[in-house]
Full PDB file with SEQRES, HELIX, SHEET, SSBOND, CRYST1, ORIGX, SCALE, CONECT and MASTER records, all heavy atoms in Angstrom:
SEQRES   1 A   30  ARG PHE THR ILE SER ARG ASP ASN THR LYS ASN THR VAL          
SEQRES   2 A   30  TYR LEU ARG MET ASN SER LEU LYS PRO GLU ASP THR ALA          
SEQRES   3 A   30  VAL TYR TYR CYS                                              
HELIX    1 AA1 PRO A   22  ASP A   24  5                                   3    
SHEET    1 AA1 2 PHE A   2  ASP A   7  0                                        
SHEET    2 AA1 2 THR A  12  MET A  17 -1                                        
CRYST1    1.000    1.000    1.000  90.00  90.00  90.00 P 1           1          
ORIGX1      1.000000  0.000000  0.000000        0.00000                         
ORIGX2      0.000000  1.000000  0.000000        0.00000                         
ORIGX3      0.000000  0.000000  1.000000        0.00000                         
SCALE1      1.000000  0.000000  0.000000        0.00000                         
SCALE2      0.000000  1.000000  0.000000        0.00000                         
SCALE3      0.000000  0.000000  1.000000        0.00000                         
ATOM      1  N   ARG A   1       0.797  -1.258  -0.071  1.00  0.00           N  
ATOM      2  CA  ARG A   1      -0.023   0.018  -0.036  1.00  0.00           C  
ATOM      3  C   ARG A   1       0.803   1.259   0.027  1.00  0.00           C  
ATOM      4  O   ARG A   1       0.429   2.339  -0.572  1.00  0.00           O  
ATOM      5  CB  ARG A   1      -0.946   0.018   1.127  1.00  0.00           C  
ATOM      6  CG  ARG A   1      -1.900  -1.087   1.250  1.00  0.00           C  
ATOM      7  CD  ARG A   1      -2.907  -0.935   2.392  1.00  0.00           C  
ATOM      8  NE  ARG A   1      -2.304  -0.832   3.769  1.00  0.00           N  
ATOM      9  CZ  ARG A   1      -2.399   0.181   4.662  1.00  0.00           C  
ATOM     10  NH1 ARG A   1      -3.170   1.181   4.237  1.00  0.00           N  
ATOM     11  NH2 ARG A   1      -1.820   0.138   5.838  1.00  0.00           N  
ATOM     12  N   PHE A   2       2.051   1.256   0.673  1.00  0.00           N  
ATOM     13  CA  PHE A   2       2.786   2.457   0.753  1.00  0.00           C  
ATOM     14  C   PHE A   2       4.082   2.189  -0.086  1.00  0.00           C  
ATOM     15  O   PHE A   2       4.633   1.037  -0.161  1.00  0.00           O  
ATOM     16  CB  PHE A   2       3.395   2.561   2.226  1.00  0.00           C  
ATOM     17  CG  PHE A   2       2.236   3.105   3.124  1.00  0.00           C  
ATOM     18  CD1 PHE A   2       0.968   3.072   2.746  1.00  0.00           C  
ATOM     19  CD2 PHE A   2       2.537   3.449   4.445  1.00  0.00           C  
ATOM     20  CE1 PHE A   2      -0.240   3.439   3.677  1.00  0.00           C  
ATOM     21  CE2 PHE A   2       1.584   3.929   5.263  1.00  0.00           C  
ATOM     22  CZ  PHE A   2       0.139   3.825   4.986  1.00  0.00           C  
ATOM     23  N   THR A   3       4.620   3.302  -0.554  1.00  0.00           N  
ATOM     24  CA  THR A   3       5.858   3.276  -1.448  1.00  0.00           C  
ATOM     25  C   THR A   3       6.742   4.326  -0.764  1.00  0.00           C  
ATOM     26  O   THR A   3       6.330   5.530  -0.839  1.00  0.00           O  
ATOM     27  CB  THR A   3       5.690   3.329  -2.783  1.00  0.00           C  
ATOM     28  OG1 THR A   3       4.705   2.385  -3.313  1.00  0.00           O  
ATOM     29  CG2 THR A   3       6.983   3.299  -3.587  1.00  0.00           C  
ATOM     30  N   ILE A   4       7.975   3.940  -0.495  1.00  0.00           N  
ATOM     31  CA  ILE A   4       9.001   5.039  -0.141  1.00  0.00           C  
ATOM     32  C   ILE A   4       9.938   5.200  -1.302  1.00  0.00           C  
ATOM     33  O   ILE A   4      10.266   4.211  -2.007  1.00  0.00           O  
ATOM     34  CB  ILE A   4       9.838   4.601   1.172  1.00  0.00           C  
ATOM     35  CG1 ILE A   4      10.710   5.721   1.698  1.00  0.00           C  
ATOM     36  CG2 ILE A   4      10.622   3.262   0.862  1.00  0.00           C  
ATOM     37  CD1 ILE A   4      11.366   5.485   2.913  1.00  0.00           C  
ATOM     38  N   SER A   5      10.225   6.484  -1.543  1.00  0.00           N  
ATOM     39  CA  SER A   5      11.220   6.847  -2.557  1.00  0.00           C  
ATOM     40  C   SER A   5      11.990   8.021  -2.130  1.00  0.00           C  
ATOM     41  O   SER A   5      11.672   8.717  -1.142  1.00  0.00           O  
ATOM     42  CB  SER A   5      10.412   7.082  -3.837  1.00  0.00           C  
ATOM     43  OG  SER A   5       9.542   8.252  -3.773  1.00  0.00           O  
ATOM     44  N   ARG A   6      12.965   8.308  -2.885  1.00  0.00           N  
ATOM     45  CA  ARG A   6      13.859   9.568  -2.664  1.00  0.00           C  
ATOM     46  C   ARG A   6      14.352  10.198  -3.916  1.00  0.00           C  
ATOM     47  O   ARG A   6      14.529   9.452  -4.910  1.00  0.00           O  
ATOM     48  CB  ARG A   6      14.865   9.224  -1.605  1.00  0.00           C  
ATOM     49  CG  ARG A   6      15.996   8.365  -2.261  1.00  0.00           C  
ATOM     50  CD  ARG A   6      17.029   7.856  -1.207  1.00  0.00           C  
ATOM     51  NE  ARG A   6      17.753   8.911  -0.612  1.00  0.00           N  
ATOM     52  CZ  ARG A   6      18.395   8.841   0.605  1.00  0.00           C  
ATOM     53  NH1 ARG A   6      18.392   7.805   1.264  1.00  0.00           N  
ATOM     54  NH2 ARG A   6      19.073   9.898   1.119  1.00  0.00           N  
ATOM     55  N   ASP A   7      14.645  11.504  -3.784  1.00  0.00           N  
ATOM     56  CA  ASP A   7      15.192  12.296  -4.845  1.00  0.00           C  
ATOM     57  C   ASP A   7      16.441  12.997  -4.227  1.00  0.00           C  
ATOM     58  O   ASP A   7      16.230  14.024  -3.571  1.00  0.00           O  
ATOM     59  CB  ASP A   7      14.179  13.307  -5.495  1.00  0.00           C  
ATOM     60  CG  ASP A   7      14.669  13.964  -6.650  1.00  0.00           C  
ATOM     61  OD1 ASP A   7      15.948  13.963  -6.816  1.00  0.00           O  
ATOM     62  OD2 ASP A   7      13.884  14.556  -7.449  1.00  0.00           O  
ATOM     63  N   ASN A   8      17.586  12.504  -4.455  1.00  0.00           N  
ATOM     64  CA  ASN A   8      18.767  13.052  -3.798  1.00  0.00           C  
ATOM     65  C   ASN A   8      19.116  14.424  -4.372  1.00  0.00           C  
ATOM     66  O   ASN A   8      19.788  15.276  -3.820  1.00  0.00           O  
ATOM     67  CB  ASN A   8      19.987  12.095  -3.975  1.00  0.00           C  
ATOM     68  CG  ASN A   8      19.824  10.980  -2.996  1.00  0.00           C  
ATOM     69  OD1 ASN A   8      19.045  11.051  -2.022  1.00  0.00           O  
ATOM     70  ND2 ASN A   8      20.617   9.893  -3.232  1.00  0.00           N  
ATOM     71  N   THR A   9      18.610  14.703  -5.604  1.00  0.00           N  
ATOM     72  CA  THR A   9      18.798  16.040  -6.124  1.00  0.00           C  
ATOM     73  C   THR A   9      18.012  17.164  -5.449  1.00  0.00           C  
ATOM     74  O   THR A   9      18.349  18.357  -5.483  1.00  0.00           O  
ATOM     75  CB  THR A   9      18.511  16.205  -7.592  1.00  0.00           C  
ATOM     76  OG1 THR A   9      17.119  15.913  -7.867  1.00  0.00           O  
ATOM     77  CG2 THR A   9      19.316  15.066  -8.399  1.00  0.00           C  
ATOM     78  N   LYS A  10      16.957  16.709  -4.803  1.00  0.00           N  
ATOM     79  CA  LYS A  10      16.070  17.598  -3.976  1.00  0.00           C  
ATOM     80  C   LYS A  10      16.141  17.401  -2.547  1.00  0.00           C  
ATOM     81  O   LYS A  10      15.464  18.032  -1.820  1.00  0.00           O  
ATOM     82  CB  LYS A  10      14.594  17.411  -4.490  1.00  0.00           C  
ATOM     83  CG  LYS A  10      14.389  17.789  -5.947  1.00  0.00           C  
ATOM     84  CD  LYS A  10      12.938  17.520  -6.349  1.00  0.00           C  
ATOM     85  CE  LYS A  10      12.639  17.911  -7.888  1.00  0.00           C  
ATOM     86  NZ  LYS A  10      11.268  17.690  -8.163  1.00  0.00           N  
ATOM     87  N   ASN A  11      17.091  16.607  -2.090  1.00  0.00           N  
ATOM     88  CA  ASN A  11      17.095  16.317  -0.626  1.00  0.00           C  
ATOM     89  C   ASN A  11      15.895  15.976   0.019  1.00  0.00           C  
ATOM     90  O   ASN A  11      15.566  16.373   1.119  1.00  0.00           O  
ATOM     91  CB  ASN A  11      17.825  17.529   0.074  1.00  0.00           C  
ATOM     92  CG  ASN A  11      19.187  17.663  -0.218  1.00  0.00           C  
ATOM     93  OD1 ASN A  11      19.876  16.975  -0.914  1.00  0.00           O  
ATOM     94  ND2 ASN A  11      19.827  18.670   0.378  1.00  0.00           N  
ATOM     95  N   THR A  12      15.143  15.102  -0.706  1.00  0.00           N  
ATOM     96  CA  THR A  12      13.729  14.838  -0.290  1.00  0.00           C  
ATOM     97  C   THR A  12      13.487  13.339  -0.347  1.00  0.00           C  
ATOM     98  O   THR A  12      13.889  12.693  -1.260  1.00  0.00           O  
ATOM     99  CB  THR A  12      12.693  15.614  -1.050  1.00  0.00           C  
ATOM    100  OG1 THR A  12      13.051  17.030  -0.925  1.00  0.00           O  
ATOM    101  CG2 THR A  12      11.327  15.339  -0.571  1.00  0.00           C  
ATOM    102  N   VAL A  13      12.769  12.778   0.709  1.00  0.00           N  
ATOM    103  CA  VAL A  13      12.307  11.478   0.609  1.00  0.00           C  
ATOM    104  C   VAL A  13      10.771  11.531   0.731  1.00  0.00           C  
ATOM    105  O   VAL A  13      10.211  12.419   1.447  1.00  0.00           O  
ATOM    106  CB  VAL A  13      12.942  10.673   1.878  1.00  0.00           C  
ATOM    107  CG1 VAL A  13      12.485  11.192   3.281  1.00  0.00           C  
ATOM    108  CG2 VAL A  13      12.502   9.238   1.801  1.00  0.00           C  
ATOM    109  N   TYR A  14      10.194  10.594   0.087  1.00  0.00           N  
ATOM    110  CA  TYR A  14       8.743  10.542  -0.034  1.00  0.00           C  
ATOM    111  C   TYR A  14       8.101   9.311   0.525  1.00  0.00           C  
ATOM    112  O   TYR A  14       8.743   8.262   0.481  1.00  0.00           O  
ATOM    113  CB  TYR A  14       8.312  10.685  -1.448  1.00  0.00           C  
ATOM    114  CG  TYR A  14       8.831  11.851  -2.270  1.00  0.00           C  
ATOM    115  CD1 TYR A  14       9.985  11.820  -2.976  1.00  0.00           C  
ATOM    116  CD2 TYR A  14       8.214  13.107  -2.081  1.00  0.00           C  
ATOM    117  CE1 TYR A  14      10.449  12.889  -3.657  1.00  0.00           C  
ATOM    118  CE2 TYR A  14       8.693  14.244  -2.827  1.00  0.00           C  
ATOM    119  CZ  TYR A  14       9.889  14.196  -3.597  1.00  0.00           C  
ATOM    120  OH  TYR A  14      10.416  15.212  -4.287  1.00  0.00           O  
ATOM    121  N   LEU A  15       6.822   9.429   0.950  1.00  0.00           N  
ATOM    122  CA  LEU A  15       6.138   8.263   1.299  1.00  0.00           C  
ATOM    123  C   LEU A  15       4.800   8.367   0.606  1.00  0.00           C  
ATOM    124  O   LEU A  15       3.889   9.158   1.001  1.00  0.00           O  
ATOM    125  CB  LEU A  15       5.940   8.132   2.811  1.00  0.00           C  
ATOM    126  CG  LEU A  15       5.280   6.814   3.356  1.00  0.00           C  
ATOM    127  CD1 LEU A  15       6.201   5.588   2.963  1.00  0.00           C  
ATOM    128  CD2 LEU A  15       4.888   6.918   4.806  1.00  0.00           C  
ATOM    129  N   ARG A  16       4.541   7.537  -0.348  1.00  0.00           N  
ATOM    130  CA  ARG A  16       3.220   7.585  -0.980  1.00  0.00           C  
ATOM    131  C   ARG A  16       2.403   6.497  -0.254  1.00  0.00           C  
ATOM    132  O   ARG A  16       2.793   5.371  -0.159  1.00  0.00           O  
ATOM    133  CB  ARG A  16       3.442   7.134  -2.450  1.00  0.00           C  
ATOM    134  CG  ARG A  16       2.136   6.996  -3.175  1.00  0.00           C  
ATOM    135  CD  ARG A  16       1.339   8.275  -3.401  1.00  0.00           C  
ATOM    136  NE  ARG A  16       0.152   8.194  -4.269  1.00  0.00           N  
ATOM    137  CZ  ARG A  16      -0.661   9.197  -4.414  1.00  0.00           C  
ATOM    138  NH1 ARG A  16      -0.303  10.495  -4.170  1.00  0.00           N  
ATOM    139  NH2 ARG A  16      -1.777   8.964  -5.134  1.00  0.00           N  
ATOM    140  N   MET A  17       1.314   6.930   0.129  1.00  0.00           N  
ATOM    141  CA  MET A  17       0.364   6.078   0.896  1.00  0.00           C  
ATOM    142  C   MET A  17      -0.932   5.945   0.137  1.00  0.00           C  
ATOM    143  O   MET A  17      -1.736   6.876  -0.060  1.00  0.00           O  
ATOM    144  CB  MET A  17       0.097   6.562   2.316  1.00  0.00           C  
ATOM    145  CG  MET A  17       1.290   6.998   3.010  1.00  0.00           C  
ATOM    146  SD  MET A  17       1.100   7.559   4.677  1.00  0.00           S  
ATOM    147  CE  MET A  17       0.256   9.136   4.400  1.00  0.00           C  
ATOM    148  N   ASN A  18      -1.329   4.682  -0.248  1.00  0.00           N  
ATOM    149  CA  ASN A  18      -2.532   4.387  -0.985  1.00  0.00           C  
ATOM    150  C   ASN A  18      -3.423   3.489  -0.111  1.00  0.00           C  
ATOM    151  O   ASN A  18      -2.947   2.817   0.877  1.00  0.00           O  
ATOM    152  CB  ASN A  18      -2.193   3.708  -2.240  1.00  0.00           C  
ATOM    153  CG  ASN A  18      -1.459   4.513  -3.273  1.00  0.00           C  
ATOM    154  OD1 ASN A  18      -1.603   5.842  -3.285  1.00  0.00           O  
ATOM    155  ND2 ASN A  18      -0.655   3.998  -4.066  1.00  0.00           N  
ATOM    156  N   SER A  19      -4.654   3.421  -0.506  1.00  0.00           N  
ATOM    157  CA  SER A  19      -5.541   2.465   0.259  1.00  0.00           C  
ATOM    158  C   SER A  19      -5.456   2.669   1.709  1.00  0.00           C  
ATOM    159  O   SER A  19      -5.460   1.784   2.493  1.00  0.00           O  
ATOM    160  CB  SER A  19      -5.205   0.961  -0.114  1.00  0.00           C  
ATOM    161  OG  SER A  19      -5.496   0.787  -1.471  1.00  0.00           O  
ATOM    162  N   LEU A  20      -5.672   3.911   2.134  1.00  0.00           N  
ATOM    163  CA  LEU A  20      -5.415   4.300   3.584  1.00  0.00           C  
ATOM    164  C   LEU A  20      -6.530   3.616   4.317  1.00  0.00           C  
ATOM    165  O   LEU A  20      -7.772   3.602   3.834  1.00  0.00           O  
ATOM    166  CB  LEU A  20      -5.289   5.851   3.784  1.00  0.00           C  
ATOM    167  CG  LEU A  20      -3.911   6.232   3.402  1.00  0.00           C  
ATOM    168  CD1 LEU A  20      -4.045   7.767   3.150  1.00  0.00           C  
ATOM    169  CD2 LEU A  20      -2.922   6.017   4.457  1.00  0.00           C  
ATOM    170  N   LYS A  21      -6.188   3.377   5.529  1.00  0.00           N  
ATOM    171  CA  LYS A  21      -7.184   2.706   6.532  1.00  0.00           C  
ATOM    172  C   LYS A  21      -7.182   3.578   7.765  1.00  0.00           C  
ATOM    173  O   LYS A  21      -6.201   4.205   8.056  1.00  0.00           O  
ATOM    174  CB  LYS A  21      -6.772   1.331   6.929  1.00  0.00           C  
ATOM    175  CG  LYS A  21      -6.491   0.400   5.691  1.00  0.00           C  
ATOM    176  CD  LYS A  21      -6.009  -0.892   6.248  1.00  0.00           C  
ATOM    177  CE  LYS A  21      -5.754  -1.834   5.071  1.00  0.00           C  
ATOM    178  NZ  LYS A  21      -5.141  -3.138   5.614  1.00  0.00           N  
ATOM    179  N   PRO A  22      -8.301   3.596   8.500  1.00  0.00           N  
ATOM    180  CA  PRO A  22      -8.371   4.271   9.778  1.00  0.00           C  
ATOM    181  C   PRO A  22      -7.257   4.036  10.625  1.00  0.00           C  
ATOM    182  O   PRO A  22      -6.738   4.834  11.435  1.00  0.00           O  
ATOM    183  CB  PRO A  22      -9.726   3.943  10.409  1.00  0.00           C  
ATOM    184  CG  PRO A  22     -10.530   3.693   9.179  1.00  0.00           C  
ATOM    185  CD  PRO A  22      -9.658   2.973   8.271  1.00  0.00           C  
ATOM    186  N   GLU A  23      -6.750   2.777  10.681  1.00  0.00           N  
ATOM    187  CA  GLU A  23      -5.618   2.363  11.568  1.00  0.00           C  
ATOM    188  C   GLU A  23      -4.298   2.926  11.126  1.00  0.00           C  
ATOM    189  O   GLU A  23      -3.333   2.889  11.833  1.00  0.00           O  
ATOM    190  CB  GLU A  23      -5.451   0.836  11.663  1.00  0.00           C  
ATOM    191  CG  GLU A  23      -5.567   0.107  10.355  1.00  0.00           C  
ATOM    192  CD  GLU A  23      -6.834  -0.372   9.979  1.00  0.00           C  
ATOM    193  OE1 GLU A  23      -7.869   0.296  10.105  1.00  0.00           O  
ATOM    194  OE2 GLU A  23      -6.943  -1.558   9.531  1.00  0.00           O  
ATOM    195  N   ASP A  24      -4.275   3.649  10.022  1.00  0.00           N  
ATOM    196  CA  ASP A  24      -3.070   4.376   9.517  1.00  0.00           C  
ATOM    197  C   ASP A  24      -2.982   5.745  10.236  1.00  0.00           C  
ATOM    198  O   ASP A  24      -1.967   6.516   9.921  1.00  0.00           O  
ATOM    199  CB  ASP A  24      -3.026   4.504   8.053  1.00  0.00           C  
ATOM    200  CG  ASP A  24      -2.842   3.107   7.304  1.00  0.00           C  
ATOM    201  OD1 ASP A  24      -2.099   2.336   7.787  1.00  0.00           O  
ATOM    202  OD2 ASP A  24      -3.532   2.994   6.345  1.00  0.00           O  
ATOM    203  N   THR A  25      -4.081   6.167  10.919  1.00  0.00           N  
ATOM    204  CA  THR A  25      -3.999   7.438  11.592  1.00  0.00           C  
ATOM    205  C   THR A  25      -2.903   7.608  12.587  1.00  0.00           C  
ATOM    206  O   THR A  25      -2.696   6.690  13.415  1.00  0.00           O  
ATOM    207  CB  THR A  25      -5.302   7.749  12.261  1.00  0.00           C  
ATOM    208  OG1 THR A  25      -6.437   7.887  11.267  1.00  0.00           O  
ATOM    209  CG2 THR A  25      -5.294   9.046  13.104  1.00  0.00           C  
ATOM    210  N   ALA A  26      -2.087   8.612  12.426  1.00  0.00           N  
ATOM    211  CA  ALA A  26      -0.783   8.679  13.212  1.00  0.00           C  
ATOM    212  C   ALA A  26      -0.183   9.961  12.895  1.00  0.00           C  
ATOM    213  O   ALA A  26      -0.450  10.614  11.946  1.00  0.00           O  
ATOM    214  CB  ALA A  26       0.137   7.522  13.113  1.00  0.00           C  
ATOM    215  N   VAL A  27       0.808  10.274  13.850  1.00  0.00           N  
ATOM    216  CA  VAL A  27       1.814  11.385  13.407  1.00  0.00           C  
ATOM    217  C   VAL A  27       2.942  10.585  12.662  1.00  0.00           C  
ATOM    218  O   VAL A  27       3.405   9.563  13.217  1.00  0.00           O  
ATOM    219  CB  VAL A  27       2.332  12.202  14.646  1.00  0.00           C  
ATOM    220  CG1 VAL A  27       3.386  13.116  14.178  1.00  0.00           C  
ATOM    221  CG2 VAL A  27       1.216  12.865  15.220  1.00  0.00           C  
ATOM    222  N   TYR A  28       3.352  11.098  11.583  1.00  0.00           N  
ATOM    223  CA  TYR A  28       4.317  10.371  10.810  1.00  0.00           C  
ATOM    224  C   TYR A  28       5.697  11.131  10.908  1.00  0.00           C  
ATOM    225  O   TYR A  28       5.662  12.454  10.590  1.00  0.00           O  
ATOM    226  CB  TYR A  28       3.841  10.238   9.225  1.00  0.00           C  
ATOM    227  CG  TYR A  28       2.928   9.122   9.097  1.00  0.00           C  
ATOM    228  CD1 TYR A  28       1.712   9.202   9.513  1.00  0.00           C  
ATOM    229  CD2 TYR A  28       3.366   7.936   8.502  1.00  0.00           C  
ATOM    230  CE1 TYR A  28       0.742   8.204   9.380  1.00  0.00           C  
ATOM    231  CE2 TYR A  28       2.421   6.954   8.277  1.00  0.00           C  
ATOM    232  CZ  TYR A  28       1.166   7.067   8.726  1.00  0.00           C  
ATOM    233  OH  TYR A  28       0.265   6.002   8.644  1.00  0.00           O  
ATOM    234  N   TYR A  29       6.710  10.464  11.145  1.00  0.00           N  
ATOM    235  CA  TYR A  29       8.095  11.057  11.301  1.00  0.00           C  
ATOM    236  C   TYR A  29       8.976  10.526  10.375  1.00  0.00           C  
ATOM    237  O   TYR A  29       9.056   9.319  10.040  1.00  0.00           O  
ATOM    238  CB  TYR A  29       8.569  10.863  12.681  1.00  0.00           C  
ATOM    239  CG  TYR A  29       7.764  11.345  13.801  1.00  0.00           C  
ATOM    240  CD1 TYR A  29       6.761  10.590  14.413  1.00  0.00           C  
ATOM    241  CD2 TYR A  29       7.956  12.587  14.339  1.00  0.00           C  
ATOM    242  CE1 TYR A  29       5.923  10.966  15.427  1.00  0.00           C  
ATOM    243  CE2 TYR A  29       7.115  13.099  15.319  1.00  0.00           C  
ATOM    244  CZ  TYR A  29       6.178  12.221  15.972  1.00  0.00           C  
ATOM    245  OH  TYR A  29       5.394  12.740  17.002  1.00  0.00           O  
ATOM    246  N   CYS A  30       9.812  11.482   9.689  1.00  0.00           N  
ATOM    247  CA  CYS A  30      10.968  10.887   9.019  1.00  0.00           C  
ATOM    248  C   CYS A  30      12.206  11.026   9.895  1.00  0.00           C  
ATOM    249  O   CYS A  30      12.255  11.757  10.851  1.00  0.00           O  
ATOM    250  CB  CYS A  30      11.177  11.577   7.694  1.00  0.00           C  
ATOM    251  SG  CYS A  30      11.763  13.341   7.815  1.00  0.00           S  
TER     252      CYS A  30                                                      
MASTER        0    0    0    1    2    0    0    6  251    1    0    3          
END                                                                             
């Protein structure tokens, strides 16, 4: 459901979250 990726040219990491469920409710930290 989730996909992590990064773009080192932008100094950024991503977390794509699909098919979200109520139990995914949280504070997300990198």
